[in-house]
Amino acid sequence: TRDWSSDVCSSDLQKISTHLLPAIIFLLFFIHRIMDYRLNRSLISNMRLSRVLYYLLLGCFGGIFVLKKAPIDSLVDISNTYMTVLGSLGALLSLFLVFESAVIFNDVYDYEIDRISSPDRPLVKNLISRKSYLSLALLFLLLALSLAFIVNLNFFIWIFLYFLFSYLYSCPPFRFRKYFIVSNFILGIEALIAIHAGASVFSTSGSINVIPNKINLIVLFGYTLLTQVKDIKDVKGDQENGVYTLFTILGLKKGRLLLGFIVSSLVILIPIFLEISSVFFIDLSIALALFASILYGLAEPVVFILYFIYFIYIGFQYFYL
């Protein structure tokens, strides 16, 4: 007999708990409605939308990989369509909420940096108190973990690990955000967690033995390098607060040139590393667009959206061609 303990919403308690999903969505909508209009707008603009979409895409990639590439005996039972859909939606919302919780913790402990480089943040604009902001982060975290439990135990563990690394990144006494490469490597680990969290929704093994090492390496080191883009706008605040990044060490001009070269080179090399058929002209076009975006200091979302498009393109090549 097969052990279904890691199936999507498999236990009786988890099945009952799926009714919490609409309640959680209603609660979030209610919080949104009762908040001050200016605070609402500030919180929405502070969601780091390009980054959270990237994490959600990684989660979807992990789930799709398991469904299309994993052996049939390693798949969870997805015969109950209703539970599978609810579990999948709950998983995406859980990943979204734990990311937004991490954003708030980062804002709280980056206050001095944000006063210089991001004056539009809710805390800097005094639209919300530090205590209320932290309470909102804890609420998001609690909801994220509750949803993760509804999905399955393996997914819950991945979401908890995501929070743990985000805490190490932003919060004292560790605050690895201050250290060159270490901070970006932690963000790379979080990206890796996102793809394994997505895979664990549909894998009985919890994803560890399902995602190939080549993909693990690309996600880990690719995102470690890419996330240095976010340090460009923070360079003045980082310099004044003793935070070491590529741009506080080399300066903006040299840092952009080096990062642009590395990221655009990755775009060319990834299809070769994955041994997939790719259109070189498309790879080159995206590589040049990324290089120009980084070199000329276009907004961070532009760079992430370009990489987002490239990721979808490579994913399509990997799964369907």
C-alpha atoms as a PDB file:
ATOM      1  CA  THR A   1       0.000   0.000   0.000  1.00  0.00           C
ATOM      2  CA  ARG A   2       1.071   3.508  -0.774  1.00  0.00           C
ATOM      3  CA  ASP A   3       1.714   6.196   1.852  1.00  0.00           C
ATOM      4  CA  TRP A   4      -0.322   9.272   0.906  1.00  0.00           C
ATOM      5  CA  SER A   5       0.942  11.373   3.842  1.00  0.00           C
ATOM      6  CA  SER A   6       2.424  14.021   1.551  1.00  0.00           C
ATOM      7  CA  ASP A   7      -0.546  14.281  -0.832  1.00  0.00           C
ATOM      8  CA  VAL A   8      -2.232  17.624  -1.466  1.00  0.00           C
ATOM      9  CA  CYS A   9      -4.687  18.262   1.394  1.00  0.00           C
ATOM     10  CA  SER A  10      -4.668  14.538   2.230  1.00  0.00           C
ATOM     11  CA  SER A  11      -5.637  14.280   5.903  1.00  0.00           C
ATOM     12  CA  ASP A  12      -9.143  14.850   7.236  1.00  0.00           C
ATOM     13  CA  LEU A  13      -7.900  17.896   9.168  1.00  0.00           C
ATOM     14  CA  GLN A  14      -6.315  19.358   6.025  1.00  0.00           C
ATOM     15  CA  LYS A  15      -9.488  18.757   4.023  1.00  0.00           C
ATOM     16  CA  ILE A  16     -11.548  20.559   6.657  1.00  0.00           C
ATOM     17  CA  SER A  17      -8.935  23.338   6.762  1.00  0.00           C
ATOM     18  CA  THR A  18      -9.276  24.023   3.028  1.00  0.00           C
ATOM     19  CA  HIS A  19     -12.365  26.021   3.996  1.00  0.00           C
ATOM     20  CA  LEU A  20      -9.935  28.488   5.603  1.00  0.00           C
ATOM     21  CA  LEU A  21      -8.656  29.531   2.160  1.00  0.00           C
ATOM     22  CA  PRO A  22     -11.705  31.659   1.248  1.00  0.00           C
ATOM     23  CA  ALA A  23     -11.723  33.003   4.829  1.00  0.00           C
ATOM     24  CA  ILE A  24      -8.061  34.059   4.549  1.00  0.00           C
ATOM     25  CA  ILE A  25      -8.691  35.743   1.193  1.00  0.00           C
ATOM     26  CA  PHE A  26     -11.671  37.586   2.722  1.00  0.00           C
ATOM     27  CA  LEU A  27      -9.533  38.630   5.722  1.00  0.00           C
ATOM     28  CA  LEU A  28      -6.848  40.074   3.448  1.00  0.00           C
ATOM     29  CA  PHE A  29      -9.492  41.920   1.434  1.00  0.00           C
ATOM     30  CA  PHE A  30     -11.041  43.258   4.674  1.00  0.00           C
ATOM     31  CA  ILE A  31      -7.655  44.537   5.922  1.00  0.00           C
ATOM     32  CA  HIS A  32      -7.134  46.201   2.550  1.00  0.00           C
ATOM     33  CA  ARG A  33     -10.525  47.951   2.756  1.00  0.00           C
ATOM     34  CA  ILE A  34     -10.192  49.309   6.298  1.00  0.00           C
ATOM     35  CA  MET A  35      -6.691  50.714   5.851  1.00  0.00           C
ATOM     36  CA  ASP A  36      -6.019  54.361   5.207  1.00  0.00           C
ATOM     37  CA  TYR A  37      -6.011  55.143   1.475  1.00  0.00           C
ATOM     38  CA  ARG A  38      -2.465  56.549   1.453  1.00  0.00           C
ATOM     39  CA  LEU A  39      -1.146  53.588   3.451  1.00  0.00           C
ATOM     40  CA  ASN A  40      -2.910  51.194   1.094  1.00  0.00           C
ATOM     41  CA  ARG A  41      -1.318  52.760  -1.962  1.00  0.00           C
ATOM     42  CA  SER A  42       2.091  52.782  -0.314  1.00  0.00           C
ATOM     43  CA  LEU A  43       1.846  49.122   0.724  1.00  0.00           C
ATOM     44  CA  ILE A  44       0.757  48.056  -2.759  1.00  0.00           C
ATOM     45  CA  SER A  45       3.602  49.973  -4.426  1.00  0.00           C
ATOM     46  CA  ASN A  46       5.984  48.409  -1.878  1.00  0.00           C
ATOM     47  CA  MET A  47       5.055  44.801  -2.703  1.00  0.00           C
ATOM     48  CA  ARG A  48       8.214  44.264  -4.844  1.00  0.00           C
ATOM     49  CA  LEU A  49       5.859  42.900  -7.513  1.00  0.00           C
ATOM     50  CA  SER A  50       8.557  41.929 -10.041  1.00  0.00           C
ATOM     51  CA  ARG A  51      10.391  39.874  -7.402  1.00  0.00           C
ATOM     52  CA  VAL A  52       7.350  38.143  -5.930  1.00  0.00           C
ATOM     53  CA  LEU A  53       6.173  37.203  -9.436  1.00  0.00           C
ATOM     54  CA  TYR A  54       9.576  35.654 -10.033  1.00  0.00           C
ATOM     55  CA  TYR A  55       9.301  33.552  -6.862  1.00  0.00           C
ATOM     56  CA  LEU A  56       5.776  32.478  -7.795  1.00  0.00           C
ATOM     57  CA  LEU A  57       7.036  31.541 -11.262  1.00  0.00           C
ATOM     58  CA  LEU A  58       9.766  29.415  -9.686  1.00  0.00           C
ATOM     59  CA  GLY A  59       7.156  27.697  -7.525  1.00  0.00           C
ATOM     60  CA  CYS A  60       5.027  26.988 -10.609  1.00  0.00           C
ATOM     61  CA  PHE A  61       8.098  25.702 -12.448  1.00  0.00           C
ATOM     62  CA  GLY A  62       8.818  23.264  -9.599  1.00  0.00           C
ATOM     63  CA  GLY A  63       5.253  21.958  -9.654  1.00  0.00           C
ATOM     64  CA  ILE A  64       5.142  21.645 -13.451  1.00  0.00           C
ATOM     65  CA  PHE A  65       8.510  19.882 -13.453  1.00  0.00           C
ATOM     66  CA  VAL A  66       7.221  17.192 -11.092  1.00  0.00           C
ATOM     67  CA  LEU A  67       4.009  16.689 -13.080  1.00  0.00           C
ATOM     68  CA  LYS A  68       5.804  16.443 -16.440  1.00  0.00           C
ATOM     69  CA  LYS A  69       9.184  14.916 -15.638  1.00  0.00           C
ATOM     70  CA  ALA A  70       9.005  12.956 -12.376  1.00  0.00           C
ATOM     71  CA  PRO A  71       8.302   9.183 -12.312  1.00  0.00           C
ATOM     72  CA  ILE A  72       4.618   8.408 -11.893  1.00  0.00           C
ATOM     73  CA  ASP A  73       5.202   6.585  -8.595  1.00  0.00           C
ATOM     74  CA  SER A  74       6.682   9.766  -7.071  1.00  0.00           C
ATOM     75  CA  LEU A  75       3.552  11.833  -7.733  1.00  0.00           C
ATOM     76  CA  VAL A  76       0.917  12.591  -5.136  1.00  0.00           C
ATOM     77  CA  ASP A  77      -2.679  11.591  -5.732  1.00  0.00           C
ATOM     78  CA  ILE A  78      -4.239  14.406  -7.769  1.00  0.00           C
ATOM     79  CA  SER A  79      -7.440  12.532  -8.651  1.00  0.00           C
ATOM     80  CA  ASN A  80      -9.482  14.852  -6.409  1.00  0.00           C
ATOM     81  CA  THR A  81      -9.448  17.901  -8.697  1.00  0.00           C
ATOM     82  CA  TYR A  82     -11.185  20.168  -6.196  1.00  0.00           C
ATOM     83  CA  MET A  83      -8.625  19.513  -3.458  1.00  0.00           C
ATOM     84  CA  THR A  84      -5.717  19.730  -5.910  1.00  0.00           C
ATOM     85  CA  VAL A  85      -6.853  23.138  -7.214  1.00  0.00           C
ATOM     86  CA  LEU A  86      -7.476  24.468  -3.697  1.00  0.00           C
ATOM     87  CA  GLY A  87      -4.123  23.131  -2.522  1.00  0.00           C
ATOM     88  CA  SER A  88      -2.304  24.695  -5.494  1.00  0.00           C
ATOM     89  CA  LEU A  89      -3.954  28.082  -4.948  1.00  0.00           C
ATOM     90  CA  GLY A  90      -3.186  27.840  -1.241  1.00  0.00           C
ATOM     91  CA  ALA A  91       0.454  27.072  -2.018  1.00  0.00           C
ATOM     92  CA  LEU A  92       0.812  30.136  -4.269  1.00  0.00           C
ATOM     93  CA  LEU A  93      -0.890  32.391  -1.715  1.00  0.00           C
ATOM     94  CA  SER A  94       1.311  30.973   1.048  1.00  0.00           C
ATOM     95  CA  LEU A  95       4.465  31.717  -0.955  1.00  0.00           C
ATOM     96  CA  PHE A  96       3.175  35.215  -1.715  1.00  0.00           C
ATOM     97  CA  LEU A  97       2.397  35.948   1.946  1.00  0.00           C
ATOM     98  CA  VAL A  98       5.702  34.662   3.322  1.00  0.00           C
ATOM     99  CA  PHE A  99       7.498  36.836   0.760  1.00  0.00           C
ATOM    100  CA  GLU A 100       5.498  39.916   1.783  1.00  0.00           C
ATOM    101  CA  SER A 101       6.175  39.134   5.440  1.00  0.00           C
ATOM    102  CA  ALA A 102       9.905  39.073   4.631  1.00  0.00           C
ATOM    103  CA  VAL A 103       9.549  42.425   2.804  1.00  0.00           C
ATOM    104  CA  ILE A 104       8.154  44.051   5.942  1.00  0.00           C
ATOM    105  CA  PHE A 105      10.880  42.660   8.196  1.00  0.00           C
ATOM    106  CA  ASN A 106      13.427  43.946   5.680  1.00  0.00           C
ATOM    107  CA  ASP A 107      11.817  47.398   5.651  1.00  0.00           C
ATOM    108  CA  VAL A 108      11.857  47.618   9.440  1.00  0.00           C
ATOM    109  CA  TYR A 109      15.570  46.849   9.755  1.00  0.00           C
ATOM    110  CA  ASP A 110      16.542  48.755   6.594  1.00  0.00           C
ATOM    111  CA  TYR A 111      14.915  51.942   7.887  1.00  0.00           C
ATOM    112  CA  GLU A 112      18.097  54.033   7.940  1.00  0.00           C
ATOM    113  CA  ILE A 113      19.065  52.892   4.436  1.00  0.00           C
ATOM    114  CA  ASP A 114      15.553  53.483   3.100  1.00  0.00           C
ATOM    115  CA  ARG A 115      15.517  57.041   4.470  1.00  0.00           C
ATOM    116  CA  ILE A 116      18.213  57.785   1.886  1.00  0.00           C
ATOM    117  CA  SER A 117      17.511  55.447  -1.041  1.00  0.00           C
ATOM    118  CA  SER A 118      13.781  54.564  -0.734  1.00  0.00           C
ATOM    119  CA  PRO A 119      11.955  57.503   0.910  1.00  0.00           C
ATOM    120  CA  ASP A 120       8.601  56.302  -0.440  1.00  0.00           C
ATOM    121  CA  ARG A 121       8.486  53.233   1.830  1.00  0.00           C
ATOM    122  CA  PRO A 122       5.465  53.179   4.233  1.00  0.00           C
ATOM    123  CA  LEU A 123       7.596  53.235   7.385  1.00  0.00           C
ATOM    124  CA  VAL A 124       9.838  56.054   6.159  1.00  0.00           C
ATOM    125  CA  LYS A 125       6.787  58.145   5.193  1.00  0.00           C
ATOM    126  CA  ASN A 126       5.350  57.616   8.714  1.00  0.00           C
ATOM    127  CA  LEU A 127       2.184  56.082   7.282  1.00  0.00           C
ATOM    128  CA  ILE A 128       2.371  53.219   9.781  1.00  0.00           C
ATOM    129  CA  SER A 129       4.093  52.688  13.120  1.00  0.00           C
ATOM    130  CA  ARG A 130       6.942  50.208  13.511  1.00  0.00           C
ATOM    131  CA  LYS A 131       4.841  48.113  15.916  1.00  0.00           C
ATOM    132  CA  SER A 132       1.838  47.966  13.563  1.00  0.00           C
ATOM    133  CA  TYR A 133       4.085  47.158  10.622  1.00  0.00           C
ATOM    134  CA  LEU A 134       5.685  44.252  12.488  1.00  0.00           C
ATOM    135  CA  SER A 135       2.220  43.045  13.546  1.00  0.00           C
ATOM    136  CA  LEU A 136       1.219  42.983   9.872  1.00  0.00           C
ATOM    137  CA  ALA A 137       4.357  40.964   9.054  1.00  0.00           C
ATOM    138  CA  LEU A 138       3.534  38.436  11.776  1.00  0.00           C
ATOM    139  CA  LEU A 139      -0.060  38.165  10.519  1.00  0.00           C
ATOM    140  CA  PHE A 140       1.179  37.476   6.973  1.00  0.00           C
ATOM    141  CA  LEU A 141       3.615  34.887   8.336  1.00  0.00           C
ATOM    142  CA  LEU A 142       0.927  33.151  10.393  1.00  0.00           C
ATOM    143  CA  LEU A 143      -1.413  33.018   7.392  1.00  0.00           C
ATOM    144  CA  ALA A 144       1.408  31.736   5.150  1.00  0.00           C
ATOM    145  CA  LEU A 145       2.259  28.921   7.560  1.00  0.00           C
ATOM    146  CA  SER A 146      -1.429  28.049   8.050  1.00  0.00           C
ATOM    147  CA  LEU A 147      -1.928  27.755   4.302  1.00  0.00           C
ATOM    148  CA  ALA A 148       1.278  25.743   3.972  1.00  0.00           C
ATOM    149  CA  PHE A 149       0.013  23.265   6.560  1.00  0.00           C
ATOM    150  CA  ILE A 150      -3.207  22.856   4.575  1.00  0.00           C
ATOM    151  CA  VAL A 151      -1.192  21.867   1.480  1.00  0.00           C
ATOM    152  CA  ASN A 152       1.080  19.215   3.028  1.00  0.00           C
ATOM    153  CA  LEU A 153       3.850  18.803   5.591  1.00  0.00           C
ATOM    154  CA  ASN A 154       6.710  18.971   3.069  1.00  0.00           C
ATOM    155  CA  PHE A 155       5.442  22.273   1.679  1.00  0.00           C
ATOM    156  CA  PHE A 156       5.068  23.621   5.234  1.00  0.00           C
ATOM    157  CA  ILE A 157       8.743  22.822   5.919  1.00  0.00           C
ATOM    158  CA  TRP A 158       9.883  24.640   2.750  1.00  0.00           C
ATOM    159  CA  ILE A 159       7.825  27.732   3.596  1.00  0.00           C
ATOM    160  CA  PHE A 160       9.219  27.762   7.129  1.00  0.00           C
ATOM    161  CA  LEU A 161      12.749  27.489   5.711  1.00  0.00           C
ATOM    162  CA  TYR A 162      12.017  30.410   3.390  1.00  0.00           C
ATOM    163  CA  PHE A 163      11.040  32.550   6.376  1.00  0.00           C
ATOM    164  CA  LEU A 164      14.088  31.404   8.339  1.00  0.00           C
ATOM    165  CA  PHE A 165      16.517  32.463   5.593  1.00  0.00           C
ATOM    166  CA  SER A 166      14.692  35.751   5.040  1.00  0.00           C
ATOM    167  CA  TYR A 167      15.010  36.425   8.778  1.00  0.00           C
ATOM    168  CA  LEU A 168      18.743  35.676   8.698  1.00  0.00           C
ATOM    169  CA  TYR A 169      19.033  38.030   5.721  1.00  0.00           C
ATOM    170  CA  SER A 170      17.278  41.047   7.236  1.00  0.00           C
ATOM    171  CA  CYS A 171      17.188  40.860  11.014  1.00  0.00           C
ATOM    172  CA  PRO A 172      19.724  41.236  13.815  1.00  0.00           C
ATOM    173  CA  PRO A 173      21.780  39.720  15.279  1.00  0.00           C
ATOM    174  CA  PHE A 174      22.721  38.010  12.003  1.00  0.00           C
ATOM    175  CA  ARG A 175      21.608  40.512   9.344  1.00  0.00           C
ATOM    176  CA  PHE A 176      23.594  38.924   6.508  1.00  0.00           C
ATOM    177  CA  ARG A 177      22.171  41.678   4.299  1.00  0.00           C
ATOM    178  CA  LYS A 178      25.310  43.656   5.229  1.00  0.00           C
ATOM    179  CA  TYR A 179      27.838  41.261   3.685  1.00  0.00           C
ATOM    180  CA  PHE A 180      28.904  41.186   0.046  1.00  0.00           C
ATOM    181  CA  ILE A 181      27.874  38.039  -1.887  1.00  0.00           C
ATOM    182  CA  VAL A 182      26.626  36.361   1.328  1.00  0.00           C
ATOM    183  CA  SER A 183      23.424  38.438   1.182  1.00  0.00           C
ATOM    184  CA  ASN A 184      22.847  37.615  -2.482  1.00  0.00           C
ATOM    185  CA  PHE A 185      23.648  33.940  -1.895  1.00  0.00           C
ATOM    186  CA  ILE A 186      20.904  33.801   0.757  1.00  0.00           C
ATOM    187  CA  LEU A 187      18.475  35.258  -1.788  1.00  0.00           C
ATOM    188  CA  GLY A 188      19.653  32.536  -4.180  1.00  0.00           C
ATOM    189  CA  ILE A 189      18.835  29.947  -1.505  1.00  0.00           C
ATOM    190  CA  GLU A 190      15.370  31.484  -1.130  1.00  0.00           C
ATOM    191  CA  ALA A 191      14.835  31.133  -4.894  1.00  0.00           C
ATOM    192  CA  LEU A 192      15.912  27.496  -4.639  1.00  0.00           C
ATOM    193  CA  ILE A 193      13.476  26.999  -1.761  1.00  0.00           C
ATOM    194  CA  ALA A 194      10.670  28.466  -3.905  1.00  0.00           C
ATOM    195  CA  ILE A 195      11.215  25.953  -6.713  1.00  0.00           C
ATOM    196  CA  HIS A 196      11.423  23.030  -4.263  1.00  0.00           C
ATOM    197  CA  ALA A 197       8.348  24.272  -2.400  1.00  0.00           C
ATOM    198  CA  GLY A 198       6.430  24.199  -5.665  1.00  0.00           C
ATOM    199  CA  ALA A 199       7.742  20.730  -6.449  1.00  0.00           C
ATOM    200  CA  SER A 200       6.813  19.430  -2.984  1.00  0.00           C
ATOM    201  CA  VAL A 201       3.125  20.173  -3.642  1.00  0.00           C
ATOM    202  CA  PHE A 202       3.022  17.272  -6.118  1.00  0.00           C
ATOM    203  CA  SER A 203       5.969  15.081  -5.065  1.00  0.00           C
ATOM    204  CA  THR A 204       5.767  12.376  -2.419  1.00  0.00           C
ATOM    205  CA  SER A 205       9.501  12.720  -1.750  1.00  0.00           C
ATOM    206  CA  GLY A 206       9.230  16.405  -0.869  1.00  0.00           C
ATOM    207  CA  SER A 207      11.183  17.393  -4.036  1.00  0.00           C
ATOM    208  CA  ILE A 208      14.728  16.775  -2.772  1.00  0.00           C
ATOM    209  CA  ASN A 209      15.402  13.927  -5.208  1.00  0.00           C
ATOM    210  CA  VAL A 210      13.181  15.248  -8.003  1.00  0.00           C
ATOM    211  CA  ILE A 211      14.720  18.538  -9.190  1.00  0.00           C
ATOM    212  CA  PRO A 212      17.958  17.856 -11.171  1.00  0.00           C
ATOM    213  CA  ASN A 213      21.209  19.308  -9.853  1.00  0.00           C
ATOM    214  CA  LYS A 214      21.685  21.309 -13.066  1.00  0.00           C
ATOM    215  CA  ILE A 215      18.482  23.229 -12.409  1.00  0.00           C
ATOM    216  CA  ASN A 216      19.379  23.655  -8.727  1.00  0.00           C
ATOM    217  CA  LEU A 217      22.724  25.189  -9.680  1.00  0.00           C
ATOM    218  CA  ILE A 218      21.214  27.516 -12.299  1.00  0.00           C
ATOM    219  CA  VAL A 219      18.541  28.791  -9.896  1.00  0.00           C
ATOM    220  CA  LEU A 220      20.942  29.174  -6.968  1.00  0.00           C
ATOM    221  CA  PHE A 221      23.838  30.920  -8.709  1.00  0.00           C
ATOM    222  CA  GLY A 222      21.743  32.661 -11.374  1.00  0.00           C
ATOM    223  CA  TYR A 223      19.573  34.354  -8.770  1.00  0.00           C
ATOM    224  CA  THR A 224      22.584  35.058  -6.534  1.00  0.00           C
ATOM    225  CA  LEU A 225      24.037  37.117  -9.393  1.00  0.00           C
ATOM    226  CA  LEU A 226      20.780  38.629 -10.640  1.00  0.00           C
ATOM    227  CA  THR A 227      19.668  39.968  -7.235  1.00  0.00           C
ATOM    228  CA  GLN A 228      22.669  42.278  -7.128  1.00  0.00           C
ATOM    229  CA  VAL A 229      20.595  44.497  -9.448  1.00  0.00           C
ATOM    230  CA  LYS A 230      18.509  45.527  -6.429  1.00  0.00           C
ATOM    231  CA  ASP A 231      21.637  46.949  -4.759  1.00  0.00           C
ATOM    232  CA  ILE A 232      22.057  49.645  -7.425  1.00  0.00           C
ATOM    233  CA  LYS A 233      19.397  52.003  -6.064  1.00  0.00           C
ATOM    234  CA  ASP A 234      20.535  51.418  -2.457  1.00  0.00           C
ATOM    235  CA  VAL A 235      24.176  52.329  -3.047  1.00  0.00           C
ATOM    236  CA  LYS A 236      24.112  55.672  -1.172  1.00  0.00           C
ATOM    237  CA  GLY A 237      22.219  54.266   1.798  1.00  0.00           C
ATOM    238  CA  ASP A 238      24.437  51.176   1.853  1.00  0.00           C
ATOM    239  CA  GLN A 239      27.612  53.289   1.840  1.00  0.00           C
ATOM    240  CA  GLU A 240      26.439  55.336   4.800  1.00  0.00           C
ATOM    241  CA  ASN A 241      25.349  52.276   6.796  1.00  0.00           C
ATOM    242  CA  GLY A 242      28.356  49.990   6.268  1.00  0.00           C
ATOM    243  CA  VAL A 243      26.674  47.546   3.881  1.00  0.00           C
ATOM    244  CA  TYR A 244      29.035  45.927   1.393  1.00  0.00           C
ATOM    245  CA  THR A 245      27.770  45.305  -2.138  1.00  0.00           C
ATOM    246  CA  LEU A 246      29.308  45.084  -5.589  1.00  0.00           C
ATOM    247  CA  PHE A 247      28.506  48.779  -6.091  1.00  0.00           C
ATOM    248  CA  THR A 248      29.846  50.085  -2.784  1.00  0.00           C
ATOM    249  CA  ILE A 249      33.090  48.210  -3.493  1.00  0.00           C
ATOM    250  CA  LEU A 250      33.621  48.908  -7.221  1.00  0.00           C
ATOM    251  CA  GLY A 251      31.422  51.978  -7.691  1.00  0.00           C
ATOM    252  CA  LEU A 252      28.296  52.255  -9.828  1.00  0.00           C
ATOM    253  CA  LYS A 253      29.948  52.442 -13.255  1.00  0.00           C
ATOM    254  CA  LYS A 254      32.323  49.484 -12.885  1.00  0.00           C
ATOM    255  CA  GLY A 255      29.766  47.486 -10.885  1.00  0.00           C
ATOM    256  CA  ARG A 256      27.087  47.877 -13.546  1.00  0.00           C
ATOM    257  CA  LEU A 257      29.507  46.954 -16.316  1.00  0.00           C
ATOM    258  CA  LEU A 258      30.664  43.797 -14.526  1.00  0.00           C
ATOM    259  CA  LEU A 259      27.170  42.710 -13.472  1.00  0.00           C
ATOM    260  CA  GLY A 260      25.740  43.384 -16.925  1.00  0.00           C
ATOM    261  CA  PHE A 261      28.441  41.229 -18.498  1.00  0.00           C
ATOM    262  CA  ILE A 262      27.915  38.359 -16.027  1.00  0.00           C
ATOM    263  CA  VAL A 263      24.087  38.317 -16.263  1.00  0.00           C
ATOM    264  CA  SER A 264      24.030  38.579 -20.063  1.00  0.00           C
ATOM    265  CA  SER A 265      26.639  35.788 -20.300  1.00  0.00           C
ATOM    266  CA  LEU A 266      24.384  33.580 -18.154  1.00  0.00           C
ATOM    267  CA  VAL A 267      21.550  34.046 -20.640  1.00  0.00           C
ATOM    268  CA  ILE A 268      23.772  32.674 -23.415  1.00  0.00           C
ATOM    269  CA  LEU A 269      25.222  29.821 -21.324  1.00  0.00           C
ATOM    270  CA  ILE A 270      22.096  28.457 -19.576  1.00  0.00           C
ATOM    271  CA  PRO A 271      20.619  26.710 -22.678  1.00  0.00           C
ATOM    272  CA  ILE A 272      24.019  25.115 -23.355  1.00  0.00           C
ATOM    273  CA  PHE A 273      24.290  23.949 -19.744  1.00  0.00           C
ATOM    274  CA  LEU A 274      20.759  22.478 -19.854  1.00  0.00           C
ATOM    275  CA  GLU A 275      21.426  20.892 -23.265  1.00  0.00           C
ATOM    276  CA  ILE A 276      18.227  22.272 -24.794  1.00  0.00           C
ATOM    277  CA  SER A 277      17.520  23.549 -28.290  1.00  0.00           C
ATOM    278  CA  SER A 278      17.360  27.310 -28.132  1.00  0.00           C
ATOM    279  CA  VAL A 279      17.187  30.081 -30.726  1.00  0.00           C
ATOM    280  CA  PHE A 280      20.517  31.884 -30.419  1.00  0.00           C
ATOM    281  CA  PHE A 281      19.112  35.126 -31.856  1.00  0.00           C
ATOM    282  CA  ILE A 282      16.473  35.260 -29.086  1.00  0.00           C
ATOM    283  CA  ASP A 283      19.066  34.442 -26.408  1.00  0.00           C
ATOM    284  CA  LEU A 284      21.382  37.148 -27.748  1.00  0.00           C
ATOM    285  CA  SER A 285      18.578  39.727 -27.935  1.00  0.00           C
ATOM    286  CA  ILE A 286      17.550  39.124 -24.305  1.00  0.00           C
ATOM    287  CA  ALA A 287      21.208  39.109 -23.221  1.00  0.00           C
ATOM    288  CA  LEU A 288      21.855  42.491 -24.896  1.00  0.00           C
ATOM    289  CA  ALA A 289      18.621  43.932 -23.462  1.00  0.00           C
ATOM    290  CA  LEU A 290      19.644  42.843 -19.964  1.00  0.00           C
ATOM    291  CA  PHE A 291      23.157  44.197 -20.412  1.00  0.00           C
ATOM    292  CA  ALA A 292      21.836  47.581 -21.574  1.00  0.00           C
ATOM    293  CA  SER A 293      19.210  47.703 -18.783  1.00  0.00           C
ATOM    294  CA  ILE A 294      21.832  47.146 -16.089  1.00  0.00           C
ATOM    295  CA  LEU A 295      24.514  49.354 -17.674  1.00  0.00           C
ATOM    296  CA  TYR A 296      22.220  52.349 -18.152  1.00  0.00           C
ATOM    297  CA  GLY A 297      20.519  52.000 -14.798  1.00  0.00           C
ATOM    298  CA  LEU A 298      16.961  51.217 -15.851  1.00  0.00           C
ATOM    299  CA  ALA A 299      14.552  50.504 -13.000  1.00  0.00           C
ATOM    300  CA  GLU A 300      14.972  47.172 -11.198  1.00  0.00           C
ATOM    301  CA  PRO A 301      11.528  45.865 -12.312  1.00  0.00           C
ATOM    302  CA  VAL A 302      12.596  46.234 -15.966  1.00  0.00           C
ATOM    303  CA  VAL A 303      15.556  43.897 -15.403  1.00  0.00           C
ATOM    304  CA  PHE A 304      13.442  41.375 -13.490  1.00  0.00           C
ATOM    305  CA  ILE A 305      10.693  41.450 -16.132  1.00  0.00           C
ATOM    306  CA  LEU A 306      13.263  40.764 -18.871  1.00  0.00           C
ATOM    307  CA  TYR A 307      14.617  37.850 -16.842  1.00  0.00           C
ATOM    308  CA  PHE A 308      11.027  36.776 -16.136  1.00  0.00           C
ATOM    309  CA  ILE A 309      10.333  36.613 -19.904  1.00  0.00           C
ATOM    310  CA  TYR A 310      13.588  34.721 -20.456  1.00  0.00           C
ATOM    311  CA  PHE A 311      12.695  32.230 -17.720  1.00  0.00           C
ATOM    312  CA  ILE A 312       9.309  31.510 -19.336  1.00  0.00           C
ATOM    313  CA  TYR A 313      11.007  31.117 -22.724  1.00  0.00           C
ATOM    314  CA  ILE A 314      13.606  28.665 -21.358  1.00  0.00           C
ATOM    315  CA  GLY A 315      10.915  26.787 -19.409  1.00  0.00           C
ATOM    316  CA  PHE A 316       8.880  26.347 -22.588  1.00  0.00           C
ATOM    317  CA  GLN A 317      11.963  25.096 -24.430  1.00  0.00           C
ATOM    318  CA  TYR A 318      12.768  22.695 -21.583  1.00  0.00           C
ATOM    319  CA  PHE A 319       9.313  21.183 -21.225  1.00  0.00           C
ATOM    320  CA  TYR A 320       7.879  21.200 -24.728  1.00  0.00           C
ATOM    321  CA  LEU A 321      10.703  21.149 -27.296  1.00  0.00           C
END
